């Protein structure tokens, strides 16, 4: 099992920035360095949606169109951390953000092997 714990959420005004972090731990956390990592989000009353993903080596990233140019995903394999830097936040970015890990490329929820419990991001207008 791999445990993923998110942090860094909070309340921010529109146009502001936040950096989310996700820490991996657990008996098989050593597999983290070969896992693809991703961030998803779920707004109230909506389905969980893919936000961004990064390959195990960190040299490949993909974003949903709505966050391109504003969000950046990165990872530190030595520390078993993955980050989501969010700039230019908008009220429509308000959601619970989930960290996710998978053995293969992640582009949808059914590609995910492990989920974190989420961290709430609220963007006020």
Foldseek 3Di string as FASTA:
>chain_A
DKAKAKDWADEEAAQAKIKMKIAIDDDVLLCLLQKKKFKWWDDPPGDIAGAKIAGSVRPDMDGDPVQPPFWDWGDDSVRRMIMIIGGRDDQVVWTWMKMFIANDDDHDPVRGDDIYPTDTHGYHD
